[in-house]
PDB file of N, CA and C in Angstrom:
ATOM      1  N   MET A   1       7.708  88.285  56.971  1.00  0.00           N
ATOM      2  CA  MET A   1       7.711  88.352  58.414  1.00  0.00           C
ATOM      3  C   MET A   1       6.643  87.410  58.951  1.00  0.00           C
ATOM      4  N   PRO A   2       6.929  86.697  60.018  1.00  0.00           N
ATOM      5  CA  PRO A   2       5.934  85.804  60.609  1.00  0.00           C
ATOM      6  C   PRO A   2       4.731  86.598  61.111  1.00  0.00           C
ATOM      7  N   MET A   3       3.567  86.048  60.952  1.00  0.00           N
ATOM      8  CA  MET A   3       2.353  86.704  61.425  1.00  0.00           C
ATOM      9  C   MET A   3       1.837  86.074  62.716  1.00  0.00           C
ATOM     10  N   SER A   4       2.504  85.052  63.203  1.00  0.00           N
ATOM     11  CA  SER A   4       2.158  84.440  64.483  1.00  0.00           C
ATOM     12  C   SER A   4       3.424  83.864  65.102  1.00  0.00           C
ATOM     13  N   ALA A   5       3.392  83.695  66.414  1.00  0.00           N
ATOM     14  CA  ALA A   5       4.551  83.133  67.115  1.00  0.00           C
ATOM     15  C   ALA A   5       4.847  81.716  66.640  1.00  0.00           C
ATOM     16  N   GLU A   6       3.820  80.995  66.224  1.00  0.00           N
ATOM     17  CA  GLU A   6       3.990  79.618  65.760  1.00  0.00           C
ATOM     18  C   GLU A   6       4.792  79.528  64.460  1.00  0.00           C
ATOM     19  N   GLU A   7       4.830  80.604  63.692  1.00  0.00           N
ATOM     20  CA  GLU A   7       5.562  80.613  62.425  1.00  0.00           C
ATOM     21  C   GLU A   7       7.065  80.843  62.616  1.00  0.00           C
ATOM     22  N   ILE A   8       7.480  81.225  63.799  1.00  0.00           N
ATOM     23  CA  ILE A   8       8.892  81.503  64.062  1.00  0.00           C
ATOM     24  C   ILE A   8       9.625  80.196  64.355  1.00  0.00           C
ATOM     25  N   THR A   9      10.699  79.968  63.597  1.00  0.00           N
ATOM     26  CA  THR A   9      11.517  78.774  63.782  1.00  0.00           C
ATOM     27  C   THR A   9      12.957  79.194  64.068  1.00  0.00           C
ATOM     28  N   LYS A  10      13.812  78.226  64.314  1.00  0.00           N
ATOM     29  CA  LYS A  10      15.224  78.547  64.543  1.00  0.00           C
ATOM     30  C   LYS A  10      15.872  79.142  63.297  1.00  0.00           C
ATOM     31  N   ASP A  11      15.259  78.945  62.131  1.00  0.00           N
ATOM     32  CA  ASP A  11      15.799  79.475  60.878  1.00  0.00           C
ATOM     33  C   ASP A  11      15.249  80.854  60.515  1.00  0.00           C
ATOM     34  N   THR A  12      14.310  81.356  61.297  1.00  0.00           N
ATOM     35  CA  THR A  12      13.747  82.678  61.020  1.00  0.00           C
ATOM     36  C   THR A  12      14.818  83.734  61.288  1.00  0.00           C
ATOM     37  N   PRO A  13      15.101  84.606  60.313  1.00  0.00           N
ATOM     38  CA  PRO A  13      16.124  85.639  60.519  1.00  0.00           C
ATOM     39  C   PRO A  13      15.778  86.540  61.704  1.00  0.00           C
ATOM     40  N   GLU A  14      16.798  87.015  62.384  1.00  0.00           N
ATOM     41  CA  GLU A  14      16.614  87.887  63.553  1.00  0.00           C
ATOM     42  C   GLU A  14      15.746  89.100  63.218  1.00  0.00           C
ATOM     43  N   LEU A  15      15.941  89.692  62.051  1.00  0.00           N
ATOM     44  CA  LEU A  15      15.137  90.847  61.645  1.00  0.00           C
ATOM     45  C   LEU A  15      13.649  90.513  61.695  1.00  0.00           C
ATOM     46  N   TYR A  16      13.259  89.348  61.215  1.00  0.00           N
ATOM     47  CA  TYR A  16      11.855  88.951  61.197  1.00  0.00           C
ATOM     48  C   TYR A  16      11.357  88.590  62.591  1.00  0.00           C
ATOM     49  N   ARG A  17      12.197  87.940  63.395  1.00  0.00           N
ATOM     50  CA  ARG A  17      11.798  87.633  64.775  1.00  0.00           C
ATOM     51  C   ARG A  17      11.558  88.918  65.557  1.00  0.00           C
ATOM     52  N   GLU A  18      12.479  89.875  65.425  1.00  0.00           N
ATOM     53  CA  GLU A  18      12.323  91.146  66.112  1.00  0.00           C
ATOM     54  C   GLU A  18      11.119  91.915  65.580  1.00  0.00           C
ATOM     55  N   GLY A  19      10.915  91.861  64.273  1.00  0.00           N
ATOM     56  CA  GLY A  19       9.757  92.537  63.679  1.00  0.00           C
ATOM     57  C   GLY A  19       8.452  92.002  64.227  1.00  0.00           C
ATOM     58  N   TYR A  20       8.337  90.685  64.290  1.00  0.00           N
ATOM     59  CA  TYR A  20       7.126  90.090  64.848  1.00  0.00           C
ATOM     60  C   TYR A  20       6.972  90.474  66.317  1.00  0.00           C
ATOM     61  N   ASP A  21       8.060  90.351  67.073  1.00  0.00           N
ATOM     62  CA  ASP A  21       8.021  90.612  68.509  1.00  0.00           C
ATOM     63  C   ASP A  21       7.521  92.021  68.815  1.00  0.00           C
ATOM     64  N   TYR A  22       7.809  92.959  67.946  1.00  0.00           N
ATOM     65  CA  TYR A  22       7.361  94.330  68.193  1.00  0.00           C
ATOM     66  C   TYR A  22       6.059  94.653  67.471  1.00  0.00           C
ATOM     67  N   TYR A  23       6.042  94.523  66.151  1.00  0.00           N
ATOM     68  CA  TYR A  23       4.925  95.022  65.351  1.00  0.00           C
ATOM     69  C   TYR A  23       3.671  94.162  65.407  1.00  0.00           C
ATOM     70  N   CYS A  24       3.795  92.909  65.781  1.00  0.00           N
ATOM     71  CA  CYS A  24       2.629  92.020  65.812  1.00  0.00           C
ATOM     72  C   CYS A  24       2.187  91.685  67.235  1.00  0.00           C
ATOM     73  N   THR A  25       2.665  92.434  68.191  1.00  0.00           N
ATOM     74  CA  THR A  25       2.251  92.250  69.580  1.00  0.00           C
ATOM     75  C   THR A  25       1.756  93.601  70.099  1.00  0.00           C
ATOM     76  N   PRO A  26       1.055  93.635  71.210  1.00  0.00           N
ATOM     77  CA  PRO A  26       0.477  94.890  71.705  1.00  0.00           C
ATOM     78  C   PRO A  26       1.479  96.027  71.916  1.00  0.00           C
ATOM     79  N   GLN A  27       2.740  95.708  72.223  1.00  0.00           N
ATOM     80  CA  GLN A  27       3.698  96.786  72.475  1.00  0.00           C
ATOM     81  C   GLN A  27       3.939  97.672  71.258  1.00  0.00           C
ATOM     82  N   GLY A  28       3.710  97.163  70.059  1.00  0.00           N
ATOM     83  CA  GLY A  28       3.940  97.948  68.855  1.00  0.00           C
ATOM     84  C   GLY A  28       2.690  98.558  68.271  1.00  0.00           C
ATOM     85  N   GLN A  29       1.604  98.516  68.984  1.00  0.00           N
ATOM     86  CA  GLN A  29       0.335  99.028  68.461  1.00  0.00           C
ATOM     87  C   GLN A  29      -0.005 100.372  69.116  1.00  0.00           C
ATOM     88  N   HIS A  30      -0.294 101.347  68.297  1.00  0.00           N
ATOM     89  CA  HIS A  30      -0.739 102.654  68.785  1.00  0.00           C
ATOM     90  C   HIS A  30      -1.618 103.264  67.709  1.00  0.00           C
ATOM     91  N   PRO A  31      -2.744 103.871  68.073  1.00  0.00           N
ATOM     92  CA  PRO A  31      -3.665 104.388  67.052  1.00  0.00           C
ATOM     93  C   PRO A  31      -3.075 105.484  66.173  1.00  0.00           C
ATOM     94  N   ASN A  32      -2.029 106.159  66.624  1.00  0.00           N
ATOM     95  CA  ASN A  32      -1.420 107.226  65.834  1.00  0.00           C
ATOM     96  C   ASN A  32      -0.090 106.819  65.210  1.00  0.00           C
ATOM     97  N   ALA A  33       0.171 105.526  65.133  1.00  0.00           N
ATOM     98  CA  ALA A  33       1.477 105.051  64.684  1.00  0.00           C
ATOM     99  C   ALA A  33       1.847 105.516  63.282  1.00  0.00           C
ATOM    100  N   GLU A  34       0.874 105.742  62.425  1.00  0.00           N
ATOM    101  CA  GLU A  34       1.168 106.153  61.051  1.00  0.00           C
ATOM    102  C   GLU A  34       1.093 107.662  60.855  1.00  0.00           C
ATOM    103  N   SER A  35       0.734 108.405  61.873  1.00  0.00           N
ATOM    104  CA  SER A  35       0.574 109.857  61.751  1.00  0.00           C
ATOM    105  C   SER A  35       1.842 110.557  62.203  1.00  0.00           C
ATOM    106  N   ILE A  36       2.629 111.030  61.263  1.00  0.00           N
ATOM    107  CA  ILE A  36       3.867 111.715  61.616  1.00  0.00           C
ATOM    108  C   ILE A  36       3.769 113.199  61.273  1.00  0.00           C
ATOM    109  N   SER A  37       3.658 113.515  60.017  1.00  0.00           N
ATOM    110  CA  SER A  37       3.655 114.903  59.583  1.00  0.00           C
ATOM    111  C   SER A  37       2.358 115.562  60.023  1.00  0.00           C
ATOM    112  N   PRO A  38       2.366 116.770  60.485  1.00  0.00           N
ATOM    113  CA  PRO A  38       3.422 117.796  60.492  1.00  0.00           C
ATOM    114  C   PRO A  38       4.180 117.900  61.801  1.00  0.00           C
ATOM    115  N   TRP A  39       4.302 116.848  62.555  1.00  0.00           N
ATOM    116  CA  TRP A  39       4.928 116.893  63.870  1.00  0.00           C
ATOM    117  C   TRP A  39       6.445 116.723  63.780  1.00  0.00           C
ATOM    118  N   PRO A  40       7.179 117.279  64.759  1.00  0.00           N
ATOM    119  CA  PRO A  40       8.624 117.020  64.811  1.00  0.00           C
ATOM    120  C   PRO A  40       8.876 115.515  64.890  1.00  0.00           C
ATOM    121  N   LEU A  41       9.950 115.071  64.283  1.00  0.00           N
ATOM    122  CA  LEU A  41      10.233 113.642  64.209  1.00  0.00           C
ATOM    123  C   LEU A  41      11.617 113.342  64.758  1.00  0.00           C
ATOM    124  N   LEU A  42      11.676 112.437  65.725  1.00  0.00           N
ATOM    125  CA  LEU A  42      12.940 111.904  66.231  1.00  0.00           C
ATOM    126  C   LEU A  42      12.860 110.400  66.102  1.00  0.00           C
ATOM    127  N   MET A  43      13.714 109.820  65.283  1.00  0.00           N
ATOM    128  CA  MET A  43      13.795 108.373  65.132  1.00  0.00           C
ATOM    129  C   MET A  43      15.043 107.919  65.878  1.00  0.00           C
ATOM    130  N   ILE A  44      14.898 106.869  66.672  1.00  0.00           N
ATOM    131  CA  ILE A  44      16.022 106.305  67.411  1.00  0.00           C
ATOM    132  C   ILE A  44      16.287 104.918  66.840  1.00  0.00           C
ATOM    133  N   ALA A  45      17.494 104.704  66.372  1.00  0.00           N
ATOM    134  CA  ALA A  45      17.840 103.437  65.719  1.00  0.00           C
ATOM    135  C   ALA A  45      19.159 102.913  66.272  1.00  0.00           C
ATOM    136  N   GLY A  46      19.258 101.604  66.351  1.00  0.00           N
ATOM    137  CA  GLY A  46      20.510 100.988  66.755  1.00  0.00           C
ATOM    138  C   GLY A  46      21.466 100.905  65.580  1.00  0.00           C
ATOM    139  N   SER A  47      22.741 101.098  65.843  1.00  0.00           N
ATOM    140  CA  SER A  47      23.725 101.016  64.763  1.00  0.00           C
ATOM    141  C   SER A  47      23.794  99.614  64.172  1.00  0.00           C
ATOM    142  N   GLU A  48      23.387  98.596  64.946  1.00  0.00           N
ATOM    143  CA  GLU A  48      23.408  97.206  64.478  1.00  0.00           C
ATOM    144  C   GLU A  48      22.031  96.703  64.056  1.00  0.00           C
ATOM    145  N   ALA A  49      21.048  97.576  63.969  1.00  0.00           N
ATOM    146  CA  ALA A  49      19.689  97.177  63.605  1.00  0.00           C
ATOM    147  C   ALA A  49      19.600  96.922  62.096  1.00  0.00           C
ATOM    148  N   ASP A  50      19.101  95.749  61.716  1.00  0.00           N
ATOM    149  CA  ASP A  50      18.926  95.445  60.294  1.00  0.00           C
ATOM    150  C   ASP A  50      17.960  96.422  59.628  1.00  0.00           C
ATOM    151  N   ALA A  51      17.013  96.936  60.393  1.00  0.00           N
ATOM    152  CA  ALA A  51      15.979  97.804  59.834  1.00  0.00           C
ATOM    153  C   ALA A  51      16.293  99.293  60.022  1.00  0.00           C
ATOM    154  N   ARG A  52      17.516  99.620  60.368  1.00  0.00           N
ATOM    155  CA  ARG A  52      17.889 101.024  60.584  1.00  0.00           C
ATOM    156  C   ARG A  52      17.565 101.889  59.368  1.00  0.00           C
ATOM    157  N   TYR A  53      17.707 101.339  58.199  1.00  0.00           N
ATOM    158  CA  TYR A  53      17.452 102.118  56.988  1.00  0.00           C
ATOM    159  C   TYR A  53      16.002 102.589  56.910  1.00  0.00           C
ATOM    160  N   PHE A  54      15.057 101.888  57.550  1.00  0.00           N
ATOM    161  CA  PHE A  54      13.662 102.359  57.563  1.00  0.00           C
ATOM    162  C   PHE A  54      13.578 103.715  58.265  1.00  0.00           C
ATOM    163  N   SER A  55      14.265 103.841  59.382  1.00  0.00           N
ATOM    164  CA  SER A  55      14.274 105.106  60.125  1.00  0.00           C
ATOM    165  C   SER A  55      14.929 106.202  59.296  1.00  0.00           C
ATOM    166  N   GLU A  56      16.035 105.873  58.656  1.00  0.00           N
ATOM    167  CA  GLU A  56      16.743 106.865  57.847  1.00  0.00           C
ATOM    168  C   GLU A  56      15.904 107.325  56.662  1.00  0.00           C
ATOM    169  N   GLU A  57      15.168 106.390  56.029  1.00  0.00           N
ATOM    170  CA  GLU A  57      14.303 106.753  54.905  1.00  0.00           C
ATOM    171  C   GLU A  57      13.128 107.612  55.361  1.00  0.00           C
ATOM    172  N   ALA A  58      12.541 107.282  56.519  1.00  0.00           N
ATOM    173  CA  ALA A  58      11.417 108.066  57.035  1.00  0.00           C
ATOM    174  C   ALA A  58      11.849 109.497  57.321  1.00  0.00           C
ATOM    175  N   VAL A  59      13.006 109.662  57.939  1.00  0.00           N
ATOM    176  CA  VAL A  59      13.507 110.997  58.249  1.00  0.00           C
ATOM    177  C   VAL A  59      13.830 111.760  56.964  1.00  0.00           C
ATOM    178  N   ALA A  60      14.376 111.079  55.988  1.00  0.00           N
ATOM    179  CA  ALA A  60      14.694 111.735  54.714  1.00  0.00           C
ATOM    180  C   ALA A  60      13.439 112.307  54.055  1.00  0.00           C
ATOM    181  N   GLN A  61      12.297 111.664  54.249  1.00  0.00           N
ATOM    182  CA  GLN A  61      11.049 112.094  53.613  1.00  0.00           C
ATOM    183  C   GLN A  61      10.234 113.059  54.475  1.00  0.00           C
ATOM    184  N   ALA A  62      10.585 113.204  55.740  1.00  0.00           N
ATOM    185  CA  ALA A  62       9.804 114.025  56.665  1.00  0.00           C
ATOM    186  C   ALA A  62      10.169 115.502  56.540  1.00  0.00           C
ATOM    187  N   ASN A  63       9.252 116.339  57.024  1.00  0.00           N
ATOM    188  CA  ASN A  63       9.513 117.776  57.116  1.00  0.00           C
ATOM    189  C   ASN A  63      10.317 118.064  58.373  1.00  0.00           C
ATOM    190  N   GLU A  64      10.994 119.206  58.377  1.00  0.00           N
ATOM    191  CA  GLU A  64      11.728 119.650  59.569  1.00  0.00           C
ATOM    192  C   GLU A  64      10.739 120.021  60.663  1.00  0.00           C
ATOM    193  N   PRO A  65      11.116 119.932  61.912  1.00  0.00           N
ATOM    194  CA  PRO A  65      12.378 119.419  62.439  1.00  0.00           C
ATOM    195  C   PRO A  65      12.387 117.901  62.448  1.00  0.00           C
ATOM    196  N   LYS A  66      13.552 117.324  62.199  1.00  0.00           N
ATOM    197  CA  LYS A  66      13.696 115.867  62.125  1.00  0.00           C
ATOM    198  C   LYS A  66      15.120 115.475  62.466  1.00  0.00           C
ATOM    199  N   GLU A  67      15.274 114.251  62.989  1.00  0.00           N
ATOM    200  CA  GLU A  67      16.600 113.767  63.368  1.00  0.00           C
ATOM    201  C   GLU A  67      16.565 112.250  63.520  1.00  0.00           C
ATOM    202  N   VAL A  68      17.681 111.599  63.169  1.00  0.00           N
ATOM    203  CA  VAL A  68      17.895 110.191  63.485  1.00  0.00           C
ATOM    204  C   VAL A  68      18.983 110.159  64.546  1.00  0.00           C
ATOM    205  N   PHE A  69      18.669 109.562  65.691  1.00  0.00           N
ATOM    206  CA  PHE A  69      19.657 109.380  66.756  1.00  0.00           C
ATOM    207  C   PHE A  69      20.047 107.916  66.742  1.00  0.00           C
ATOM    208  N   VAL A  70      21.326 107.628  66.537  1.00  0.00           N
ATOM    209  CA  VAL A  70      21.808 106.248  66.435  1.00  0.00           C
ATOM    210  C   VAL A  70      22.492 105.850  67.742  1.00  0.00           C
ATOM    211  N   VAL A  71      22.013 104.740  68.327  1.00  0.00           N
ATOM    212  CA  VAL A  71      22.601 104.203  69.556  1.00  0.00           C
ATOM    213  C   VAL A  71      23.656 103.182  69.149  1.00  0.00           C
ATOM    214  N   ASP A  72      24.894 103.502  69.421  1.00  0.00           N
ATOM    215  CA  ASP A  72      26.017 102.656  69.019  1.00  0.00           C
ATOM    216  C   ASP A  72      25.915 101.264  69.650  1.00  0.00           C
ATOM    217  N   GLY A  73      26.016 100.239  68.805  1.00  0.00           N
ATOM    218  CA  GLY A  73      26.038  98.855  69.254  1.00  0.00           C
ATOM    219  C   GLY A  73      24.685  98.220  69.510  1.00  0.00           C
ATOM    220  N   ALA A  74      23.595  98.969  69.402  1.00  0.00           N
ATOM    221  CA  ALA A  74      22.265  98.431  69.709  1.00  0.00           C
ATOM    222  C   ALA A  74      21.592  97.838  68.478  1.00  0.00           C
ATOM    223  N   THR A  75      20.813  96.779  68.708  1.00  0.00           N
ATOM    224  CA  THR A  75      19.942  96.232  67.662  1.00  0.00           C
ATOM    225  C   THR A  75      18.565  96.854  67.830  1.00  0.00           C
ATOM    226  N   HIS A  76      17.684  96.568  66.899  1.00  0.00           N
ATOM    227  CA  HIS A  76      16.304  97.072  66.975  1.00  0.00           C
ATOM    228  C   HIS A  76      15.624  96.546  68.243  1.00  0.00           C
ATOM    229  N   LYS A  77      15.782  95.284  68.495  1.00  0.00           N
ATOM    230  CA  LYS A  77      15.118  94.661  69.644  1.00  0.00           C
ATOM    231  C   LYS A  77      15.634  95.241  70.957  1.00  0.00           C
ATOM    232  N   ALA A  78      16.916  95.513  71.045  1.00  0.00           N
ATOM    233  CA  ALA A  78      17.473  96.092  72.265  1.00  0.00           C
ATOM    234  C   ALA A  78      16.835  97.438  72.561  1.00  0.00           C
ATOM    235  N   LEU A  79      16.581  98.227  71.533  1.00  0.00           N
ATOM    236  CA  LEU A  79      15.961  99.534  71.741  1.00  0.00           C
ATOM    237  C   LEU A  79      14.503  99.403  72.142  1.00  0.00           C
ATOM    238  N   VAL A  80      13.791  98.451  71.558  1.00  0.00           N
ATOM    239  CA  VAL A  80      12.383  98.241  71.896  1.00  0.00           C
ATOM    240  C   VAL A  80      12.248  97.882  73.364  1.00  0.00           C
ATOM    241  N   ARG A  81      13.136  97.082  73.862  1.00  0.00           N
ATOM    242  CA  ARG A  81      13.056  96.670  75.268  1.00  0.00           C
ATOM    243  C   ARG A  81      13.352  97.814  76.215  1.00  0.00           C
ATOM    244  N   LEU A  82      14.042  98.843  75.752  1.00  0.00           N
ATOM    245  CA  LEU A  82      14.308 100.014  76.586  1.00  0.00           C
ATOM    246  C   LEU A  82      13.099 100.933  76.655  1.00  0.00           C
ATOM    247  N   ALA A  83      12.223 100.854  75.659  1.00  0.00           N
ATOM    248  CA  ALA A  83      11.085 101.794  75.569  1.00  0.00           C
ATOM    249  C   ALA A  83      10.052 101.548  76.647  1.00  0.00           C
TER     250      ALA A  83
END
């Protein structure tokens, strides 16, 4: 994944562009981002998101209550822009 905007080219896969756009910019930063358990977990993923499996794996490993809500036709980036 690119670590700076300058590393993104026309050949950079969409998954990596979206990853940088969210996780390497202020919108994806929160001091509690890695603290999930023992809290209820709701993951929202787009049906067209390349990284949807990350959400599914996280929910599979989490304690109840937990759920993956899939937004039909959405990519990861589309969901981030709605947040």
